[in-house]
Each structure stands twice: as structure tokens, then as C-alpha cells.
């Protein structure tokens, strides 16, 4: 489940805005100051997944430097864009963020 809260972005995200952009479901997210923003109704909202959701399927590799996936700073850790979602290491698996 995704929640959306009003984001204080101070500018419009888009090509050349300086933030990492990546696909998320039916929209594009932007990594901004440790959180993730998405466009909604002409404004910007924080796009976060609630709860603990384990990523489906086995990972044939570990995410990290050089794994081939876009690294996205997120709070106190780094997520990796993988198959249209963000994966974050959690114990012996990855969570979807």
C-alpha cells in the first residue's frame, strides 16, 4: 500500500531537476532529501509504502555498489530500483519500499 503526504519540494521535478528519477507502478518517483516524491493532481506528494512487504522472488545477486540497479538514498539506508520497485536490504531478504 502506498501513502501520499504533501511534499515540500520547493521546485518542480522533471528532466534536469538534479534528483534521481525512476519508474514506480504507473508513475515516476524522484528521490529528494531522503524521501520519495511523486506528482499528484498538479502538486507533489511523498510516495511511501506502508508496512513490511517482502520482495517477491529470489534474488540471484546482492544489491550494492556495481550491482547494475539505480541506488536511491532513502532515510537512513539505500534502496535499489529493481523491476519497477525499490528494494531495501532487511535481515536475509529484501523489502519493497
C-alpha atoms as a PDB file:
ATOM      1  CA  UNK A   1       0.000   0.000   0.000  1.00  0.00           C
ATOM      2  CA  UNK A   2       1.308   3.443  -0.904  1.00  0.00           C
ATOM      3  CA  UNK A   3       0.566   6.565   1.066  1.00  0.00           C
ATOM      4  CA  UNK A   4       0.880  10.099  -0.152  1.00  0.00           C
ATOM      5  CA  UNK A   5       1.577  13.102   2.045  1.00  0.00           C
ATOM      6  CA  UNK A   6       2.175  16.638   0.866  1.00  0.00           C
ATOM      7  CA  UNK A   7       5.812  17.081  -0.102  1.00  0.00           C
ATOM      8  CA  UNK A   8       7.727  20.307   0.347  1.00  0.00           C
ATOM      9  CA  UNK A   9       9.844  20.095  -2.813  1.00  0.00           C
ATOM     10  CA  UNK A  10      10.486  23.822  -3.426  1.00  0.00           C
ATOM     11  CA  UNK A  11      10.545  23.144  -7.204  1.00  0.00           C
ATOM     12  CA  UNK A  12       9.080  21.051  -9.984  1.00  0.00           C
ATOM     13  CA  UNK A  13      10.687  17.676 -10.603  1.00  0.00           C
ATOM     14  CA  UNK A  14      11.450  16.626 -14.169  1.00  0.00           C
ATOM     15  CA  UNK A  15      14.269  16.262 -16.663  1.00  0.00           C
ATOM     16  CA  UNK A  16      17.332  18.055 -15.361  1.00  0.00           C
ATOM     17  CA  UNK A  17      15.989  18.761 -11.843  1.00  0.00           C
ATOM     18  CA  UNK A  18      19.014  17.030 -10.318  1.00  0.00           C
ATOM     19  CA  UNK A  19      17.165  14.242  -8.479  1.00  0.00           C
ATOM     20  CA  UNK A  20      17.206  10.536  -9.293  1.00  0.00           C
ATOM     21  CA  UNK A  21      14.047   9.651 -11.247  1.00  0.00           C
ATOM     22  CA  UNK A  22      12.770   6.094 -11.509  1.00  0.00           C
ATOM     23  CA  UNK A  23       9.568   4.292 -12.544  1.00  0.00           C
ATOM     24  CA  UNK A  24       7.196   3.168  -9.787  1.00  0.00           C
ATOM     25  CA  UNK A  25       3.993   1.468 -10.891  1.00  0.00           C
ATOM     26  CA  UNK A  26       2.076   3.899 -13.106  1.00  0.00           C
ATOM     27  CA  UNK A  27       4.130   6.999 -12.273  1.00  0.00           C
ATOM     28  CA  UNK A  28       7.674   8.339 -11.880  1.00  0.00           C
ATOM     29  CA  UNK A  29       9.218   8.900  -8.456  1.00  0.00           C
ATOM     30  CA  UNK A  30      12.015  11.325  -7.575  1.00  0.00           C
ATOM     31  CA  UNK A  31      14.471  10.851  -4.703  1.00  0.00           C
ATOM     32  CA  UNK A  32      14.597  14.151  -2.824  1.00  0.00           C
ATOM     33  CA  UNK A  33      16.268  14.887   0.529  1.00  0.00           C
ATOM     34  CA  UNK A  34      15.907  11.328   1.871  1.00  0.00           C
ATOM     35  CA  UNK A  35      12.304  10.788   0.785  1.00  0.00           C
ATOM     36  CA  UNK A  36      10.496   9.951  -2.442  1.00  0.00           C
ATOM     37  CA  UNK A  37       8.234  12.434  -4.267  1.00  0.00           C
ATOM     38  CA  UNK A  38       5.577  11.787  -6.898  1.00  0.00           C
ATOM     39  CA  UNK A  39       3.329  14.118  -8.879  1.00  0.00           C
ATOM     40  CA  UNK A  40      -0.312  14.110  -7.857  1.00  0.00           C
ATOM     41  CA  UNK A  41      -3.026  16.408  -9.113  1.00  0.00           C
ATOM     42  CA  UNK A  42      -0.614  19.119 -10.224  1.00  0.00           C
ATOM     43  CA  UNK A  43       1.316  19.073  -6.925  1.00  0.00           C
ATOM     44  CA  UNK A  44       3.912  16.858  -5.285  1.00  0.00           C
ATOM     45  CA  UNK A  45       3.375  14.228  -2.595  1.00  0.00           C
ATOM     46  CA  UNK A  46       5.644  11.907  -0.629  1.00  0.00           C
ATOM     47  CA  UNK A  47       5.306   8.386  -2.013  1.00  0.00           C
ATOM     48  CA  UNK A  48       5.963   5.698   0.591  1.00  0.00           C
ATOM     49  CA  UNK A  49       4.983   2.077   1.068  1.00  0.00           C
ATOM     50  CA  UNK A  50       3.443   1.286   4.458  1.00  0.00           C
ATOM     51  CA  UNK A  51       4.369  -1.738   6.480  1.00  0.00           C
ATOM     52  CA  UNK A  52       6.774  -4.570   5.919  1.00  0.00           C
ATOM     53  CA  UNK A  53       6.413  -6.025   2.430  1.00  0.00           C
ATOM     54  CA  UNK A  54       8.938  -8.653   1.389  1.00  0.00           C
ATOM     55  CA  UNK A  55      10.022  -8.512  -2.267  1.00  0.00           C
ATOM     56  CA  UNK A  56       8.683 -11.459  -4.233  1.00  0.00           C
ATOM     57  CA  UNK A  57      11.006 -13.868  -5.982  1.00  0.00           C
ATOM     58  CA  UNK A  58      14.554 -14.898  -5.292  1.00  0.00           C
ATOM     59  CA  UNK A  59      17.422 -12.519  -5.855  1.00  0.00           C
ATOM     60  CA  UNK A  60      20.293 -14.037  -7.766  1.00  0.00           C
ATOM     61  CA  UNK A  61      22.579 -11.268  -6.527  1.00  0.00           C
ATOM     62  CA  UNK A  62      23.006  -8.815  -3.685  1.00  0.00           C
ATOM     63  CA  UNK A  63      22.207  -5.160  -4.205  1.00  0.00           C
ATOM     64  CA  UNK A  64      25.111  -2.801  -3.658  1.00  0.00           C
ATOM     65  CA  UNK A  65      27.774  -0.826  -5.496  1.00  0.00           C
ATOM     66  CA  UNK A  66      28.135  -2.174  -9.016  1.00  0.00           C
ATOM     67  CA  UNK A  67      25.011  -4.408  -8.971  1.00  0.00           C
ATOM     68  CA  UNK A  68      23.574  -2.633 -12.019  1.00  0.00           C
ATOM     69  CA  UNK A  69      20.496  -1.151 -10.325  1.00  0.00           C
ATOM     70  CA  UNK A  70      19.947   2.551  -9.612  1.00  0.00           C
ATOM     71  CA  UNK A  71      20.800   3.412  -5.998  1.00  0.00           C
ATOM     72  CA  UNK A  72      18.300   5.724  -4.279  1.00  0.00           C
ATOM     73  CA  UNK A  73      19.041   7.319  -0.882  1.00  0.00           C
ATOM     74  CA  UNK A  74      16.055   6.721   1.399  1.00  0.00           C
ATOM     75  CA  UNK A  75      16.148   7.844   5.022  1.00  0.00           C
ATOM     76  CA  UNK A  76      18.979   6.013   6.793  1.00  0.00           C
ATOM     77  CA  UNK A  77      19.641   3.450   4.038  1.00  0.00           C
ATOM     78  CA  UNK A  78      19.867   2.992   0.273  1.00  0.00           C
ATOM     79  CA  UNK A  79      17.159   1.410  -1.874  1.00  0.00           C
ATOM     80  CA  UNK A  80      17.837  -0.148  -5.269  1.00  0.00           C
ATOM     81  CA  UNK A  81      15.411   0.200  -8.195  1.00  0.00           C
ATOM     82  CA  UNK A  82      14.599  -3.346  -9.319  1.00  0.00           C
ATOM     83  CA  UNK A  83      11.749  -4.392 -11.616  1.00  0.00           C
ATOM     84  CA  UNK A  84       9.727  -1.196 -11.064  1.00  0.00           C
ATOM     85  CA  UNK A  85      10.039  -1.042  -7.272  1.00  0.00           C
ATOM     86  CA  UNK A  86      12.653  -0.110  -4.682  1.00  0.00           C
ATOM     87  CA  UNK A  87      14.346  -2.902  -2.775  1.00  0.00           C
ATOM     88  CA  UNK A  88      15.950  -2.399   0.627  1.00  0.00           C
ATOM     89  CA  UNK A  89      18.003  -4.995   2.493  1.00  0.00           C
ATOM     90  CA  UNK A  90      16.219  -6.404   5.551  1.00  0.00           C
ATOM     91  CA  UNK A  91      17.628  -9.343   7.515  1.00  0.00           C
ATOM     92  CA  UNK A  92      18.021 -12.195   4.980  1.00  0.00           C
ATOM     93  CA  UNK A  93      15.742 -10.735   2.270  1.00  0.00           C
ATOM     94  CA  UNK A  94      14.755  -7.509   0.515  1.00  0.00           C
ATOM     95  CA  UNK A  95      11.736  -5.373   1.324  1.00  0.00           C
ATOM     96  CA  UNK A  96       9.757  -3.391  -1.230  1.00  0.00           C
ATOM     97  CA  UNK A  97       9.754   0.324  -0.494  1.00  0.00           C
END
